[in-house]
Amino acid sequence: MEMKKTRLVYIDIAKGIGILLVLLGHLLNNGHWLKSVIYTFHMPLFFIVSGMVLRPQPVIKKIRNRITDVLVPYFIWALIFSGFSFKKLMYIGYGTIAGLLKAGSSGVLWFLVCMFFASIFSQIIVTYTEKKKHRSFVLAAFMVITLVISMAMSFFHYKIMIHGATLGYPWSMDIVFLAMSFMIFGRLAVDMKQMIPEELKWYHLLIFVALAAISLVGIMHKAEPGYPQMATGRVGNYIVFFVVACAVVTGVIGISRFLEKTGPLSALLVWLGQNSMGIFLIHRTLRSTLQGYYNAYPSIWLFIILFVVFVVYSSIVTIIINKLCPYLFRSEERRVG
């Protein structure tokens, strides 16, 4: 018998917060301290919350769903941004940020390829460990193993060259293992419910402030781009990156539970979370223009206005495309049984 599925509102809220951070991070210039802080946890947030909704199910069903929800939109949008040629299709099929940029497409699409493989591999682990006697221990072991594998693979990332171009591992496999460690952490967080309280108390807010403060460690272990960049594996110390991201995301999810009861703000964040994929794909079309305005007329007030424009524009275009071509934005899992 199929289990009844219910929507986890706080997951949508967390994703809403996450997509706002994505837009904010992409609007800030490289080297800005706030960009370094945001990049320590904003992409891990999406993998962690995706791990939180993982439940045992047939792997074939998972693969089929992920092909339609993630892989098909990946190729469609990659070709929309790049234009078609067999050479470009080859680079897009390679599935890394370097390959996408080589094809003249959008580098942000690396996330979809990574999510596709990480969610399938994590699904296998979650399904396999469902009836294990010491389930949490086994999951924790897999979490550590995938993190270590990613660390080991990172040493050779920039030595993999094709036709003179450094493209990294096919389908960003080193980053896939890093993403898996975050997804398994998310699944563990659900098993260990005390990690994320259902009702937020005043002392939980203090804990969150402390967790947010340690994200400043990101500035101290930032990599070559001037900030931790998960897309390329340039995150500095992998262990520090993992611990900081998990700690801060745990706080964000706690805040998301609290925001469930805030009425209009909750509704706005839920909508942003439910439409995060569309906003994620669309926002890059205005990013360079807004950055150009800010660089020409640097002002905190102008930046705030540009950020609001960024969010509103991405949301409106997402609504229009959802009406005209809903298959271009497939919804990610937000329900659990």
C-alpha atoms as a PDB file:
ATOM      1  CA  MET A   1       0.000   0.000   0.000  1.00  0.00           C
ATOM      2  CA  GLU A   2       1.306   3.420  -0.930  1.00  0.00           C
ATOM      3  CA  MET A   3       1.854   5.697   2.037  1.00  0.00           C
ATOM      4  CA  LYS A   4      -0.037   8.984   2.186  1.00  0.00           C
ATOM      5  CA  LYS A   5       2.205  11.866   1.327  1.00  0.00           C
ATOM      6  CA  THR A   6       2.236  15.146   3.187  1.00  0.00           C
ATOM      7  CA  ARG A   7       3.943  18.410   2.350  1.00  0.00           C
ATOM      8  CA  LEU A   8       6.757  19.563   4.580  1.00  0.00           C
ATOM      9  CA  VAL A   9       6.182  23.308   4.664  1.00  0.00           C
ATOM     10  CA  TYR A  10       9.433  24.089   6.456  1.00  0.00           C
ATOM     11  CA  ILE A  11      11.367  22.355   3.663  1.00  0.00           C
ATOM     12  CA  ASP A  12       9.806  24.736   1.132  1.00  0.00           C
ATOM     13  CA  ILE A  13      10.621  27.679   3.408  1.00  0.00           C
ATOM     14  CA  ALA A  14      14.249  26.550   3.728  1.00  0.00           C
ATOM     15  CA  LYS A  15      14.480  26.269  -0.054  1.00  0.00           C
ATOM     16  CA  GLY A  16      12.920  29.718  -0.361  1.00  0.00           C
ATOM     17  CA  ILE A  17      15.628  31.110   1.895  1.00  0.00           C
ATOM     18  CA  GLY A  18      18.189  29.173  -0.130  1.00  0.00           C
ATOM     19  CA  ILE A  19      17.145  30.574  -3.506  1.00  0.00           C
ATOM     20  CA  LEU A  20      17.224  34.121  -2.097  1.00  0.00           C
ATOM     21  CA  LEU A  21      20.781  33.444  -0.961  1.00  0.00           C
ATOM     22  CA  VAL A  22      21.659  32.129  -4.435  1.00  0.00           C
ATOM     23  CA  LEU A  23      20.444  35.355  -6.038  1.00  0.00           C
ATOM     24  CA  LEU A  24      22.169  37.486  -3.403  1.00  0.00           C
ATOM     25  CA  GLY A  25      25.434  35.568  -3.786  1.00  0.00           C
ATOM     26  CA  HIS A  26      25.361  35.860  -7.586  1.00  0.00           C
ATOM     27  CA  LEU A  27      24.727  39.606  -7.390  1.00  0.00           C
ATOM     28  CA  LEU A  28      27.650  40.266  -5.046  1.00  0.00           C
ATOM     29  CA  ASN A  29      31.107  40.772  -6.520  1.00  0.00           C
ATOM     30  CA  ASN A  30      33.849  38.212  -5.956  1.00  0.00           C
ATOM     31  CA  GLY A  31      35.840  38.963  -2.833  1.00  0.00           C
ATOM     32  CA  HIS A  32      32.947  40.464  -0.887  1.00  0.00           C
ATOM     33  CA  TRP A  33      32.925  39.063   2.651  1.00  0.00           C
ATOM     34  CA  LEU A  34      29.181  38.352   2.539  1.00  0.00           C
ATOM     35  CA  LYS A  35      29.614  36.296  -0.637  1.00  0.00           C
ATOM     36  CA  SER A  36      32.214  34.164   1.178  1.00  0.00           C
ATOM     37  CA  VAL A  37      29.794  33.588   4.059  1.00  0.00           C
ATOM     38  CA  ILE A  38      26.856  32.695   1.782  1.00  0.00           C
ATOM     39  CA  TYR A  39      28.951  30.288  -0.273  1.00  0.00           C
ATOM     40  CA  THR A  40      29.899  28.286   2.811  1.00  0.00           C
ATOM     41  CA  PHE A  41      26.398  26.804   3.017  1.00  0.00           C
ATOM     42  CA  HIS A  42      23.858  27.953   0.387  1.00  0.00           C
ATOM     43  CA  MET A  43      24.361  25.070  -2.098  1.00  0.00           C
ATOM     44  CA  PRO A  44      24.773  22.408   0.634  1.00  0.00           C
ATOM     45  CA  LEU A  45      21.388  23.616   1.927  1.00  0.00           C
ATOM     46  CA  PHE A  46      19.626  22.290  -1.188  1.00  0.00           C
ATOM     47  CA  PHE A  47      21.348  18.910  -0.957  1.00  0.00           C
ATOM     48  CA  ILE A  48      20.633  18.581   2.758  1.00  0.00           C
ATOM     49  CA  VAL A  49      16.902  19.339   2.436  1.00  0.00           C
ATOM     50  CA  SER A  50      16.699  16.959  -0.529  1.00  0.00           C
ATOM     51  CA  GLY A  51      18.246  14.294   1.680  1.00  0.00           C
ATOM     52  CA  MET A  52      15.665  15.014   4.367  1.00  0.00           C
ATOM     53  CA  VAL A  53      12.808  13.920   2.087  1.00  0.00           C
ATOM     54  CA  LEU A  54      14.502  10.719   0.904  1.00  0.00           C
ATOM     55  CA  ARG A  55      12.457   7.623   1.693  1.00  0.00           C
ATOM     56  CA  PRO A  56      12.932   3.983   0.650  1.00  0.00           C
ATOM     57  CA  GLN A  57      11.546   3.414  -2.845  1.00  0.00           C
ATOM     58  CA  PRO A  58      12.438   1.382  -5.945  1.00  0.00           C
ATOM     59  CA  VAL A  59      15.606   2.809  -7.470  1.00  0.00           C
ATOM     60  CA  ILE A  60      14.181   2.489 -10.993  1.00  0.00           C
ATOM     61  CA  LYS A  61      11.303   4.753  -9.976  1.00  0.00           C
ATOM     62  CA  LYS A  62      13.799   7.269  -8.575  1.00  0.00           C
ATOM     63  CA  ILE A  63      15.839   7.233 -11.781  1.00  0.00           C
ATOM     64  CA  ARG A  64      12.735   7.714 -13.920  1.00  0.00           C
ATOM     65  CA  ASN A  65      11.558  10.641 -11.792  1.00  0.00           C
ATOM     66  CA  ARG A  66      14.949  12.293 -11.770  1.00  0.00           C
ATOM     67  CA  ILE A  67      15.315  12.007 -15.543  1.00  0.00           C
ATOM     68  CA  THR A  68      12.078  13.945 -16.079  1.00  0.00           C
ATOM     69  CA  ASP A  69      12.508  16.324 -13.118  1.00  0.00           C
ATOM     70  CA  VAL A  70      16.194  17.173 -13.453  1.00  0.00           C
ATOM     71  CA  LEU A  71      18.042  15.701 -16.443  1.00  0.00           C
ATOM     72  CA  VAL A  72      15.598  16.723 -19.191  1.00  0.00           C
ATOM     73  CA  PRO A  73      15.414  20.356 -17.973  1.00  0.00           C
ATOM     74  CA  TYR A  74      19.219  20.337 -17.741  1.00  0.00           C
ATOM     75  CA  PHE A  75      19.722  19.553 -21.426  1.00  0.00           C
ATOM     76  CA  ILE A  76      16.871  21.820 -22.558  1.00  0.00           C
ATOM     77  CA  TRP A  77      18.143  24.862 -20.692  1.00  0.00           C
ATOM     78  CA  ALA A  78      21.807  24.167 -21.423  1.00  0.00           C
ATOM     79  CA  LEU A  79      20.993  24.203 -25.157  1.00  0.00           C
ATOM     80  CA  ILE A  80      18.733  27.252 -24.816  1.00  0.00           C
ATOM     81  CA  PHE A  81      21.640  29.190 -23.306  1.00  0.00           C
ATOM     82  CA  SER A  82      24.321  27.847 -25.659  1.00  0.00           C
ATOM     83  CA  GLY A  83      22.603  27.159 -28.967  1.00  0.00           C
ATOM     84  CA  PHE A  84      22.885  23.786 -30.642  1.00  0.00           C
ATOM     85  CA  SER A  85      25.910  22.141 -32.164  1.00  0.00           C
ATOM     86  CA  PHE A  86      27.209  18.619 -31.716  1.00  0.00           C
ATOM     87  CA  LYS A  87      30.414  19.968 -30.185  1.00  0.00           C
ATOM     88  CA  LYS A  88      28.452  22.021 -27.658  1.00  0.00           C
ATOM     89  CA  LEU A  89      26.235  19.040 -26.912  1.00  0.00           C
ATOM     90  CA  MET A  90      29.360  16.995 -26.160  1.00  0.00           C
ATOM     91  CA  TYR A  91      30.578  19.561 -23.619  1.00  0.00           C
ATOM     92  CA  ILE A  92      27.099  19.850 -22.098  1.00  0.00           C
ATOM     93  CA  GLY A  93      26.874  16.065 -21.827  1.00  0.00           C
ATOM     94  CA  TYR A  94      30.171  16.050 -19.934  1.00  0.00           C
ATOM     95  CA  GLY A  95      28.201  17.673 -17.132  1.00  0.00           C
ATOM     96  CA  THR A  96      30.688  19.955 -15.383  1.00  0.00           C
ATOM     97  CA  ILE A  97      30.749  23.706 -14.881  1.00  0.00           C
ATOM     98  CA  ALA A  98      33.880  23.881 -17.051  1.00  0.00           C
ATOM     99  CA  GLY A  99      32.175  21.891 -19.804  1.00  0.00           C
ATOM    100  CA  LEU A 100      29.091  24.115 -19.683  1.00  0.00           C
ATOM    101  CA  LEU A 101      31.183  27.269 -19.940  1.00  0.00           C
ATOM    102  CA  LYS A 102      33.176  25.715 -22.788  1.00  0.00           C
ATOM    103  CA  ALA A 103      29.867  25.169 -24.599  1.00  0.00           C
ATOM    104  CA  GLY A 104      28.909  28.807 -24.021  1.00  0.00           C
ATOM    105  CA  SER A 105      26.065  27.779 -21.727  1.00  0.00           C
ATOM    106  CA  SER A 106      25.222  28.695 -18.121  1.00  0.00           C
ATOM    107  CA  GLY A 107      27.655  27.413 -15.518  1.00  0.00           C
ATOM    108  CA  VAL A 108      24.983  27.295 -12.803  1.00  0.00           C
ATOM    109  CA  LEU A 109      23.490  24.200 -14.467  1.00  0.00           C
ATOM    110  CA  TRP A 110      26.211  22.055 -12.873  1.00  0.00           C
ATOM    111  CA  PHE A 111      23.859  21.802  -9.917  1.00  0.00           C
ATOM    112  CA  LEU A 112      21.252  19.816 -11.867  1.00  0.00           C
ATOM    113  CA  VAL A 113      23.716  17.151 -12.993  1.00  0.00           C
ATOM    114  CA  CYS A 114      25.111  16.887  -9.494  1.00  0.00           C
ATOM    115  CA  MET A 115      21.609  16.612  -7.995  1.00  0.00           C
ATOM    116  CA  PHE A 116      20.659  13.913 -10.522  1.00  0.00           C
ATOM    117  CA  PHE A 117      23.488  11.546  -9.635  1.00  0.00           C
ATOM    118  CA  ALA A 118      23.737  12.404  -5.926  1.00  0.00           C
ATOM    119  CA  SER A 119      20.023  11.810  -5.336  1.00  0.00           C
ATOM    120  CA  ILE A 120      20.054   8.451  -7.150  1.00  0.00           C
ATOM    121  CA  PHE A 121      23.159   7.169  -5.347  1.00  0.00           C
ATOM    122  CA  SER A 122      21.841   8.447  -2.008  1.00  0.00           C
ATOM    123  CA  GLN A 123      18.501   6.781  -2.715  1.00  0.00           C
ATOM    124  CA  ILE A 124      20.291   3.447  -3.135  1.00  0.00           C
ATOM    125  CA  ILE A 125      21.995   3.912   0.235  1.00  0.00           C
ATOM    126  CA  VAL A 126      18.789   4.981   2.025  1.00  0.00           C
ATOM    127  CA  THR A 127      16.830   2.059   0.568  1.00  0.00           C
ATOM    128  CA  TYR A 128      19.611  -0.437   1.316  1.00  0.00           C
ATOM    129  CA  THR A 129      19.974   0.670   4.957  1.00  0.00           C
ATOM    130  CA  GLU A 130      16.232   0.882   5.747  1.00  0.00           C
ATOM    131  CA  LYS A 131      16.070  -2.425   7.631  1.00  0.00           C
ATOM    132  CA  LYS A 132      19.610  -2.459   8.974  1.00  0.00           C
ATOM    133  CA  LYS A 133      19.892  -3.036  12.715  1.00  0.00           C
ATOM    134  CA  HIS A 134      22.113  -0.015  13.338  1.00  0.00           C
ATOM    135  CA  ARG A 135      20.709   2.167  10.574  1.00  0.00           C
ATOM    136  CA  SER A 136      21.942   5.538  11.860  1.00  0.00           C
ATOM    137  CA  PHE A 137      25.462   4.207  12.362  1.00  0.00           C
ATOM    138  CA  VAL A 138      25.536   2.741   8.844  1.00  0.00           C
ATOM    139  CA  LEU A 139      24.269   6.008   7.354  1.00  0.00           C
ATOM    140  CA  ALA A 140      26.886   7.951   9.312  1.00  0.00           C
ATOM    141  CA  ALA A 141      29.551   5.615   7.951  1.00  0.00           C
ATOM    142  CA  PHE A 142      28.375   6.223   4.379  1.00  0.00           C
ATOM    143  CA  MET A 143      28.366   9.973   5.065  1.00  0.00           C
ATOM    144  CA  VAL A 144      32.019   9.868   6.121  1.00  0.00           C
ATOM    145  CA  ILE A 145      33.002   7.529   3.276  1.00  0.00           C
ATOM    146  CA  THR A 146      31.470   9.730   0.576  1.00  0.00           C
ATOM    147  CA  LEU A 147      33.144  12.812   2.059  1.00  0.00           C
ATOM    148  CA  VAL A 148      36.528  11.072   2.102  1.00  0.00           C
ATOM    149  CA  ILE A 149      36.078   9.857  -1.490  1.00  0.00           C
ATOM    150  CA  SER A 150      35.304  13.403  -2.595  1.00  0.00           C
ATOM    151  CA  MET A 151      38.377  14.703  -0.788  1.00  0.00           C
ATOM    152  CA  ALA A 152      40.595  12.069  -2.431  1.00  0.00           C
ATOM    153  CA  MET A 153      39.197  12.739  -5.900  1.00  0.00           C
ATOM    154  CA  SER A 154      39.720  16.490  -5.500  1.00  0.00           C
ATOM    155  CA  PHE A 155      43.487  16.064  -5.724  1.00  0.00           C
ATOM    156  CA  PHE A 156      43.163  15.053  -9.386  1.00  0.00           C
ATOM    157  CA  HIS A 157      40.284  17.339 -10.430  1.00  0.00           C
ATOM    158  CA  TYR A 158      42.432  19.839 -12.319  1.00  0.00           C
ATOM    159  CA  LYS A 159      44.626  17.184 -13.912  1.00  0.00           C
ATOM    160  CA  ILE A 160      41.817  15.839 -16.096  1.00  0.00           C
ATOM    161  CA  MET A 161      42.131  17.510 -19.495  1.00  0.00           C
ATOM    162  CA  ILE A 162      40.321  16.906 -22.786  1.00  0.00           C
ATOM    163  CA  HIS A 163      41.561  18.580 -25.969  1.00  0.00           C
ATOM    164  CA  GLY A 164      43.702  20.862 -23.839  1.00  0.00           C
ATOM    165  CA  ALA A 165      40.818  21.978 -21.610  1.00  0.00           C
ATOM    166  CA  THR A 166      40.622  21.233 -17.896  1.00  0.00           C
ATOM    167  CA  LEU A 167      37.125  19.829 -17.465  1.00  0.00           C
ATOM    168  CA  GLY A 168      37.356  17.830 -14.235  1.00  0.00           C
ATOM    169  CA  TYR A 169      35.679  14.479 -13.659  1.00  0.00           C
ATOM    170  CA  PRO A 170      32.771  13.570 -15.964  1.00  0.00           C
ATOM    171  CA  TRP A 171      29.425  14.659 -14.480  1.00  0.00           C
ATOM    172  CA  SER A 172      31.320  16.336 -11.607  1.00  0.00           C
ATOM    173  CA  MET A 173      31.659  12.970  -9.875  1.00  0.00           C
ATOM    174  CA  ASP A 174      33.954  14.326  -7.175  1.00  0.00           C
ATOM    175  CA  ILE A 175      31.317  16.956  -6.320  1.00  0.00           C
ATOM    176  CA  VAL A 176      28.591  14.280  -6.513  1.00  0.00           C
ATOM    177  CA  PHE A 177      30.216  12.428  -3.615  1.00  0.00           C
ATOM    178  CA  LEU A 178      30.451  15.669  -1.640  1.00  0.00           C
ATOM    179  CA  ALA A 179      26.763  16.319  -2.346  1.00  0.00           C
ATOM    180  CA  MET A 180      25.951  12.760  -1.225  1.00  0.00           C
ATOM    181  CA  SER A 181      27.587  13.385   2.139  1.00  0.00           C
ATOM    182  CA  PHE A 182      25.257  16.382   2.601  1.00  0.00           C
ATOM    183  CA  MET A 183      22.196  14.409   1.493  1.00  0.00           C
ATOM    184  CA  ILE A 184      22.976  11.573   3.889  1.00  0.00           C
ATOM    185  CA  PHE A 185      23.441  14.128   6.657  1.00  0.00           C
ATOM    186  CA  GLY A 186      19.953  15.400   5.846  1.00  0.00           C
ATOM    187  CA  ARG A 187      18.531  11.905   6.145  1.00  0.00           C
ATOM    188  CA  LEU A 188      20.350  11.444   9.470  1.00  0.00           C
ATOM    189  CA  ALA A 189      18.967  14.767  10.725  1.00  0.00           C
ATOM    190  CA  VAL A 190      15.446  13.431  10.189  1.00  0.00           C
ATOM    191  CA  ASP A 191      16.260  10.185  12.011  1.00  0.00           C
ATOM    192  CA  MET A 192      17.745  12.142  14.904  1.00  0.00           C
ATOM    193  CA  LYS A 193      14.808  14.519  15.354  1.00  0.00           C
ATOM    194  CA  GLN A 194      16.376  16.305  18.295  1.00  0.00           C
ATOM    195  CA  MET A 195      18.824  17.914  15.866  1.00  0.00           C
ATOM    196  CA  ILE A 196      16.007  20.026  14.403  1.00  0.00           C
ATOM    197  CA  PRO A 197      13.383  21.005  17.012  1.00  0.00           C
ATOM    198  CA  GLU A 198       9.759  21.253  15.891  1.00  0.00           C
ATOM    199  CA  GLU A 199       9.155  24.391  17.936  1.00  0.00           C
ATOM    200  CA  LEU A 200      11.786  27.102  18.113  1.00  0.00           C
ATOM    201  CA  LYS A 201      12.565  28.552  21.536  1.00  0.00           C
ATOM    202  CA  TRP A 202      14.551  31.672  22.365  1.00  0.00           C
ATOM    203  CA  TYR A 203      17.664  29.640  23.146  1.00  0.00           C
ATOM    204  CA  HIS A 204      17.442  27.966  19.742  1.00  0.00           C
ATOM    205  CA  LEU A 205      17.794  31.426  18.205  1.00  0.00           C
ATOM    206  CA  LEU A 206      20.952  31.966  20.228  1.00  0.00           C
ATOM    207  CA  ILE A 207      22.290  28.646  18.994  1.00  0.00           C
ATOM    208  CA  PHE A 208      21.516  29.666  15.418  1.00  0.00           C
ATOM    209  CA  VAL A 209      23.374  32.953  15.877  1.00  0.00           C
ATOM    210  CA  ALA A 210      26.372  30.971  17.093  1.00  0.00           C
ATOM    211  CA  LEU A 211      26.127  28.604  14.115  1.00  0.00           C
ATOM    212  CA  ALA A 212      25.843  31.513  11.704  1.00  0.00           C
ATOM    213  CA  ALA A 213      28.892  33.122  13.299  1.00  0.00           C
ATOM    214  CA  ILE A 214      31.072  30.108  12.595  1.00  0.00           C
ATOM    215  CA  SER A 215      30.211  30.429   8.894  1.00  0.00           C
ATOM    216  CA  LEU A 216      32.753  33.245   8.969  1.00  0.00           C
ATOM    217  CA  VAL A 217      35.270  30.412   8.923  1.00  0.00           C
ATOM    218  CA  GLY A 218      34.434  30.349   5.221  1.00  0.00           C
ATOM    219  CA  ILE A 219      36.376  33.548   4.805  1.00  0.00           C
ATOM    220  CA  MET A 220      39.438  31.936   6.362  1.00  0.00           C
ATOM    221  CA  HIS A 221      39.364  28.833   4.162  1.00  0.00           C
ATOM    222  CA  LYS A 222      38.142  30.432   0.944  1.00  0.00           C
ATOM    223  CA  ALA A 223      39.708  29.162  -2.250  1.00  0.00           C
ATOM    224  CA  GLU A 224      41.038  30.633  -5.477  1.00  0.00           C
ATOM    225  CA  PRO A 225      37.859  32.431  -6.670  1.00  0.00           C
ATOM    226  CA  GLY A 226      37.834  34.396  -3.390  1.00  0.00           C
ATOM    227  CA  TYR A 227      35.069  32.287  -1.849  1.00  0.00           C
ATOM    228  CA  PRO A 228      34.306  28.574  -1.309  1.00  0.00           C
ATOM    229  CA  GLN A 229      32.980  27.242  -4.630  1.00  0.00           C
ATOM    230  CA  MET A 230      31.319  23.840  -4.393  1.00  0.00           C
ATOM    231  CA  ALA A 231      30.788  23.676  -8.162  1.00  0.00           C
ATOM    232  CA  THR A 232      34.517  23.254  -8.770  1.00  0.00           C
ATOM    233  CA  GLY A 233      35.502  21.622  -5.493  1.00  0.00           C
ATOM    234  CA  ARG A 234      37.447  24.721  -4.448  1.00  0.00           C
ATOM    235  CA  VAL A 235      36.108  24.766  -0.921  1.00  0.00           C
ATOM    236  CA  GLY A 236      39.357  24.919   0.989  1.00  0.00           C
ATOM    237  CA  ASN A 237      39.433  22.376   3.804  1.00  0.00           C
ATOM    238  CA  TYR A 238      36.732  19.809   2.975  1.00  0.00           C
ATOM    239  CA  ILE A 239      36.114  18.839   6.591  1.00  0.00           C
ATOM    240  CA  VAL A 240      35.756  22.453   7.713  1.00  0.00           C
ATOM    241  CA  PHE A 241      33.462  23.178   4.757  1.00  0.00           C
ATOM    242  CA  PHE A 242      31.285  20.157   5.564  1.00  0.00           C
ATOM    243  CA  VAL A 243      31.007  20.880   9.297  1.00  0.00           C
ATOM    244  CA  VAL A 244      30.316  24.605   8.840  1.00  0.00           C
ATOM    245  CA  ALA A 245      27.691  23.969   6.131  1.00  0.00           C
ATOM    246  CA  CYS A 246      25.871  21.304   8.153  1.00  0.00           C
ATOM    247  CA  ALA A 247      25.886  23.449  11.288  1.00  0.00           C
ATOM    248  CA  VAL A 248      24.525  26.572   9.614  1.00  0.00           C
ATOM    249  CA  VAL A 249      21.948  24.697   7.508  1.00  0.00           C
ATOM    250  CA  THR A 250      20.678  23.014  10.676  1.00  0.00           C
ATOM    251  CA  GLY A 251      20.092  26.499  12.072  1.00  0.00           C
ATOM    252  CA  VAL A 252      18.385  27.651   8.867  1.00  0.00           C
ATOM    253  CA  ILE A 253      16.004  24.688   9.027  1.00  0.00           C
ATOM    254  CA  GLY A 254      15.244  25.489  12.663  1.00  0.00           C
ATOM    255  CA  ILE A 255      14.427  29.061  11.650  1.00  0.00           C
ATOM    256  CA  SER A 256      12.273  27.683   8.812  1.00  0.00           C
ATOM    257  CA  ARG A 257      10.175  25.752  11.323  1.00  0.00           C
ATOM    258  CA  PHE A 258       9.643  28.970  13.259  1.00  0.00           C
ATOM    259  CA  LEU A 259       8.699  30.885  10.093  1.00  0.00           C
ATOM    260  CA  GLU A 260       5.915  28.380   9.318  1.00  0.00           C
ATOM    261  CA  LYS A 261       3.689  30.457  11.619  1.00  0.00           C
ATOM    262  CA  THR A 262       4.476  33.902  10.218  1.00  0.00           C
ATOM    263  CA  GLY A 263       1.607  34.173   7.722  1.00  0.00           C
ATOM    264  CA  PRO A 264       2.454  36.287   4.624  1.00  0.00           C
ATOM    265  CA  LEU A 265       6.222  35.879   5.048  1.00  0.00           C
ATOM    266  CA  SER A 266       5.807  32.115   5.307  1.00  0.00           C
ATOM    267  CA  ALA A 267       3.586  32.059   2.199  1.00  0.00           C
ATOM    268  CA  LEU A 268       6.148  34.079   0.225  1.00  0.00           C
ATOM    269  CA  LEU A 269       9.046  31.829   1.212  1.00  0.00           C
ATOM    270  CA  VAL A 270       6.993  28.698   0.502  1.00  0.00           C
ATOM    271  CA  TRP A 271       6.213  29.970  -2.991  1.00  0.00           C
ATOM    272  CA  LEU A 272       9.863  30.808  -3.615  1.00  0.00           C
ATOM    273  CA  GLY A 273      10.854  27.356  -2.388  1.00  0.00           C
ATOM    274  CA  GLN A 274       8.317  25.583  -4.560  1.00  0.00           C
ATOM    275  CA  ASN A 275       9.485  27.564  -7.595  1.00  0.00           C
ATOM    276  CA  SER A 276      13.179  27.592  -6.709  1.00  0.00           C
ATOM    277  CA  MET A 277      14.197  25.563  -9.756  1.00  0.00           C
ATOM    278  CA  GLY A 278      12.576  27.984 -12.192  1.00  0.00           C
ATOM    279  CA  ILE A 279      14.055  31.005 -10.417  1.00  0.00           C
ATOM    280  CA  PHE A 280      17.442  29.283 -10.344  1.00  0.00           C
ATOM    281  CA  LEU A 281      17.380  28.690 -14.109  1.00  0.00           C
ATOM    282  CA  ILE A 282      16.020  32.111 -15.071  1.00  0.00           C
ATOM    283  CA  HIS A 283      17.975  34.483 -12.842  1.00  0.00           C
ATOM    284  CA  ARG A 284      21.216  34.297 -14.804  1.00  0.00           C
ATOM    285  CA  THR A 285      19.554  36.119 -17.749  1.00  0.00           C
ATOM    286  CA  LEU A 286      19.577  39.390 -15.782  1.00  0.00           C
ATOM    287  CA  ARG A 287      22.560  38.864 -13.539  1.00  0.00           C
ATOM    288  CA  SER A 288      25.262  40.563 -15.657  1.00  0.00           C
ATOM    289  CA  THR A 289      23.075  43.595 -16.380  1.00  0.00           C
ATOM    290  CA  LEU A 290      22.338  44.238 -12.705  1.00  0.00           C
ATOM    291  CA  GLN A 291      25.961  43.713 -11.720  1.00  0.00           C
ATOM    292  CA  GLY A 292      26.957  46.258 -14.363  1.00  0.00           C
ATOM    293  CA  TYR A 293      24.615  48.864 -12.868  1.00  0.00           C
ATOM    294  CA  TYR A 294      25.941  48.247  -9.362  1.00  0.00           C
ATOM    295  CA  ASN A 295      29.589  48.395 -10.438  1.00  0.00           C
ATOM    296  CA  ALA A 296      28.926  51.675 -12.248  1.00  0.00           C
ATOM    297  CA  TYR A 297      27.020  53.248  -9.343  1.00  0.00           C
ATOM    298  CA  PRO A 298      28.066  51.442  -6.133  1.00  0.00           C
ATOM    299  CA  SER A 299      25.588  52.162  -3.352  1.00  0.00           C
ATOM    300  CA  ILE A 300      24.011  49.991  -0.673  1.00  0.00           C
ATOM    301  CA  TRP A 301      20.568  51.415  -1.473  1.00  0.00           C
ATOM    302  CA  LEU A 302      20.996  50.751  -5.175  1.00  0.00           C
ATOM    303  CA  PHE A 303      22.137  47.219  -4.362  1.00  0.00           C
ATOM    304  CA  ILE A 304      18.972  46.602  -2.312  1.00  0.00           C
ATOM    305  CA  ILE A 305      16.796  47.899  -5.158  1.00  0.00           C
ATOM    306  CA  LEU A 306      18.659  45.759  -7.692  1.00  0.00           C
ATOM    307  CA  PHE A 307      18.268  42.689  -5.496  1.00  0.00           C
ATOM    308  CA  VAL A 308      14.504  43.249  -5.235  1.00  0.00           C
ATOM    309  CA  VAL A 309      14.353  43.690  -9.024  1.00  0.00           C
ATOM    310  CA  PHE A 310      16.368  40.464  -9.396  1.00  0.00           C
ATOM    311  CA  VAL A 311      13.896  38.499  -7.266  1.00  0.00           C
ATOM    312  CA  VAL A 312      10.774  40.028  -8.833  1.00  0.00           C
ATOM    313  CA  TYR A 313      12.048  39.582 -12.398  1.00  0.00           C
ATOM    314  CA  SER A 314      13.045  35.951 -11.852  1.00  0.00           C
ATOM    315  CA  SER A 315       9.707  35.217 -10.169  1.00  0.00           C
ATOM    316  CA  ILE A 316       7.572  36.839 -12.889  1.00  0.00           C
ATOM    317  CA  VAL A 317       9.411  35.088 -15.723  1.00  0.00           C
ATOM    318  CA  THR A 318       9.108  31.804 -13.835  1.00  0.00           C
ATOM    319  CA  ILE A 319       5.328  32.301 -13.507  1.00  0.00           C
ATOM    320  CA  ILE A 320       4.995  33.051 -17.228  1.00  0.00           C
ATOM    321  CA  ILE A 321       7.039  30.039 -18.323  1.00  0.00           C
ATOM    322  CA  ASN A 322       5.173  27.797 -15.870  1.00  0.00           C
ATOM    323  CA  LYS A 323       1.930  28.876 -17.543  1.00  0.00           C
ATOM    324  CA  LEU A 324       3.165  28.448 -21.107  1.00  0.00           C
ATOM    325  CA  CYS A 325       5.645  25.542 -20.841  1.00  0.00           C
ATOM    326  CA  PRO A 326       5.312  23.861 -17.427  1.00  0.00           C
ATOM    327  CA  TYR A 327       7.499  20.937 -18.496  1.00  0.00           C
ATOM    328  CA  LEU A 328      10.524  23.262 -18.521  1.00  0.00           C
ATOM    329  CA  PHE A 329      10.401  23.610 -14.732  1.00  0.00           C
ATOM    330  CA  ARG A 330       9.827  20.289 -13.068  1.00  0.00           C
ATOM    331  CA  SER A 331       9.041  20.381  -9.337  1.00  0.00           C
ATOM    332  CA  GLU A 332      11.532  18.804  -6.965  1.00  0.00           C
ATOM    333  CA  GLU A 333      10.468  16.468  -4.156  1.00  0.00           C
ATOM    334  CA  ARG A 334       8.848  18.292  -1.279  1.00  0.00           C
ATOM    335  CA  ARG A 335       6.655  15.489  -0.011  1.00  0.00           C
ATOM    336  CA  VAL A 336       7.408  12.557   2.207  1.00  0.00           C
ATOM    337  CA  GLY A 337       5.478   9.455   3.114  1.00  0.00           C
END
